[in-house]
Amino acid sequence: MRVVIASDAEGMSLKKIIKDVLIADGHEVVDYSEESAADFVDSALAVAHDLLEHEGSLGFAFDGYGVGSYMAATRVKGMVAANISDERSAYMTREHNNCRMVCMGPKVVGPEVATKIAREFLAADYAAGRHQIRVDMLNKMA
């Protein structure tokens, strides 16, 4: 799967770990922050805009807590993003909400939990059906 990632300075340590995991798992990784972005807004928007251009891709944005990237990403019309700190929520937000982007940070989750979050998010498929009404509502918002 094509996975897009980016980070500000505070999220770089976790981004590097997850990038290595994604590559080891066989994913194609597009990294918009080989050097950290100046601000979480820049890194989150890079991921969000790329995902809107590449429908089959999913992504991750990293900053200290993940919430800043989440706030920036959800300002992009059509982007459903989530600030996640556990693997079950990662799976369910993909399956029920067609979430395309997970935001997280090393000040909230450690490498082991972040790895589980990434793998669960990427393992889930959007279920559609009864959930599509909610997803349509989210996609109309900006």
Protein backbone atom coordinates (compact mmCIF):
# COMPACT_ATOMS: atom_id res chain seq x y z
CA MET A 1 0.00 0.00 0.00
CA ARG A 2 1.09 3.59 -0.64
CA VAL A 3 1.48 5.36 2.72
CA VAL A 4 2.20 9.07 3.06
CA ILE A 5 3.96 10.44 6.15
CA ALA A 6 5.26 13.76 7.44
CA SER A 7 6.34 15.32 10.71
CA ASP A 8 7.38 18.47 12.49
CA ALA A 9 10.49 18.48 14.70
CA GLU A 10 8.75 17.10 17.80
CA GLY A 11 7.31 14.10 15.97
CA MET A 12 10.42 13.09 14.00
CA SER A 13 11.59 10.39 16.41
CA LEU A 14 8.28 8.53 16.12
CA LYS A 15 7.97 9.16 12.38
CA LYS A 16 11.36 7.54 11.77
CA ILE A 17 10.36 4.45 13.76
CA ILE A 18 7.03 4.08 11.95
CA LYS A 19 8.66 4.71 8.57
CA ASP A 20 11.07 1.82 9.18
CA VAL A 21 8.17 -0.43 10.24
CA LEU A 22 6.14 0.48 7.15
CA ILE A 23 9.06 -0.22 4.82
CA ALA A 24 9.80 -3.52 6.59
CA ASP A 25 6.11 -4.45 6.17
CA GLY A 26 6.42 -3.88 2.42
CA HIS A 27 4.56 -0.58 2.05
CA GLU A 28 5.53 2.14 -0.42
CA VAL A 29 6.33 5.13 1.78
CA VAL A 30 6.16 8.74 0.58
CA ASP A 31 7.91 10.92 3.17
CA TYR A 32 7.29 14.66 2.97
CA SER A 33 9.68 15.37 5.82
CA GLU A 34 13.08 13.80 5.39
CA GLU A 35 13.97 16.97 7.31
CA SER A 36 11.31 18.04 9.80
CA ALA A 37 8.70 20.51 8.64
CA ALA A 38 8.89 23.97 10.16
CA ASP A 39 5.48 23.50 11.75
CA PHE A 40 2.92 20.72 12.24
CA VAL A 41 0.50 22.64 10.02
CA ASP A 42 2.88 22.27 7.06
CA SER A 43 3.49 18.55 7.59
CA ALA A 44 -0.19 17.71 8.19
CA LEU A 45 -1.32 19.65 5.13
CA ALA A 46 1.30 17.93 2.96
CA VAL A 47 -0.13 14.53 3.92
CA ALA A 48 -3.78 15.61 3.65
CA HIS A 49 -3.41 17.17 0.20
CA ASP A 50 -1.47 14.18 -1.12
CA LEU A 51 -4.14 11.78 0.13
CA LEU A 52 -6.87 13.74 -1.61
CA GLU A 53 -4.91 13.43 -4.87
CA HIS A 54 -4.25 9.68 -4.41
CA GLU A 55 -7.49 7.97 -3.45
CA GLY A 56 -6.04 4.55 -2.56
CA SER A 57 -3.39 5.94 -0.20
CA LEU A 58 -3.46 6.33 3.57
CA GLY A 59 -1.26 8.49 5.76
CA PHE A 60 0.23 9.48 9.08
CA ALA A 61 1.19 12.88 10.46
CA PHE A 62 3.36 13.26 13.52
CA ASP A 63 3.91 16.09 16.00
CA GLY A 64 4.49 16.15 19.75
CA TYR A 65 0.96 15.09 20.71
CA GLY A 66 -0.73 14.45 17.36
CA VAL A 67 -3.54 16.86 18.09
CA GLY A 68 -2.01 19.80 16.21
CA SER A 69 -1.69 17.75 13.04
CA TYR A 70 -5.24 16.53 13.55
CA MET A 71 -6.58 20.08 13.82
CA ALA A 72 -4.74 21.14 10.66
CA ALA A 73 -5.79 18.07 8.64
CA THR A 74 -9.46 18.40 9.50
CA ARG A 75 -9.49 21.92 8.06
CA VAL A 76 -9.00 20.38 4.60
CA LYS A 77 -12.36 19.78 2.94
CA GLY A 78 -12.88 16.09 2.30
CA MET A 79 -10.17 14.88 4.69
CA VAL A 80 -11.26 12.55 7.47
CA ALA A 81 -8.44 12.36 10.01
CA ALA A 82 -8.19 11.09 13.57
CA ASN A 83 -5.92 11.73 16.55
CA ILE A 84 -5.26 8.20 17.80
CA SER A 85 -3.55 6.75 20.87
CA ASP A 86 -4.69 3.10 20.79
CA GLU A 87 -4.80 0.38 18.17
CA ARG A 88 -8.51 -0.46 18.46
CA SER A 89 -9.52 3.11 17.69
CA ALA A 90 -7.14 3.09 14.73
CA TYR A 91 -8.85 0.04 13.27
CA MET A 92 -12.39 1.24 13.95
CA THR A 93 -11.92 4.77 12.61
CA ARG A 94 -10.75 3.28 9.32
CA GLU A 95 -13.51 0.65 9.18
CA HIS A 96 -16.45 2.84 10.25
CA ASN A 97 -15.40 6.40 9.33
CA ASN A 98 -13.28 5.86 6.21
CA CYS A 99 -10.52 7.75 7.99
CA ARG A 100 -7.56 8.24 5.66
CA MET A 101 -5.07 9.86 8.03
CA VAL A 102 -3.95 9.15 11.57
CA CYS A 103 -2.18 11.79 13.65
CA MET A 104 -0.08 10.85 16.66
CA GLY A 105 2.90 11.95 18.69
CA PRO A 106 5.71 10.57 20.86
CA LYS A 107 4.59 12.57 23.92
CA VAL A 108 1.43 10.43 24.00
CA VAL A 109 2.31 7.04 22.46
CA GLY A 110 5.54 5.11 22.56
CA PRO A 111 7.07 3.17 19.68
CA GLU A 112 5.35 -0.13 20.51
CA VAL A 113 1.84 1.32 20.66
CA ALA A 114 2.48 3.53 17.62
CA THR A 115 3.55 0.47 15.63
CA LYS A 116 0.33 -1.32 16.63
CA ILE A 117 -1.70 1.76 15.69
CA ALA A 118 -0.08 1.96 12.26
CA ARG A 119 -0.53 -1.73 11.52
CA GLU A 120 -4.15 -1.86 12.69
CA PHE A 121 -5.06 1.26 10.72
CA LEU A 122 -3.53 -0.14 7.55
CA ALA A 123 -5.08 -3.59 8.10
CA ALA A 124 -8.62 -2.23 8.25
CA ASP A 125 -10.88 -1.73 5.25
CA TYR A 126 -13.70 0.76 5.09
CA ALA A 127 -16.95 -1.16 5.63
CA ALA A 128 -19.23 1.40 3.85
CA GLY A 129 -22.90 0.34 4.10
CA ARG A 130 -24.64 2.03 7.01
CA HIS A 131 -21.51 4.08 7.72
CA GLN A 132 -21.62 5.90 4.37
CA ILE A 133 -24.22 8.41 5.58
CA ARG A 134 -21.85 9.58 8.32
CA VAL A 135 -18.87 9.66 5.99
CA ASP A 136 -20.82 11.75 3.47
CA MET A 137 -21.66 14.18 6.26
CA LEU A 138 -18.00 14.43 7.30
CA ASN A 139 -16.85 14.92 3.73
CA LYS A 140 -19.16 17.92 3.28
CA MET A 141 -17.54 19.69 6.20
CA ALA A 142 -14.34 21.68 6.20
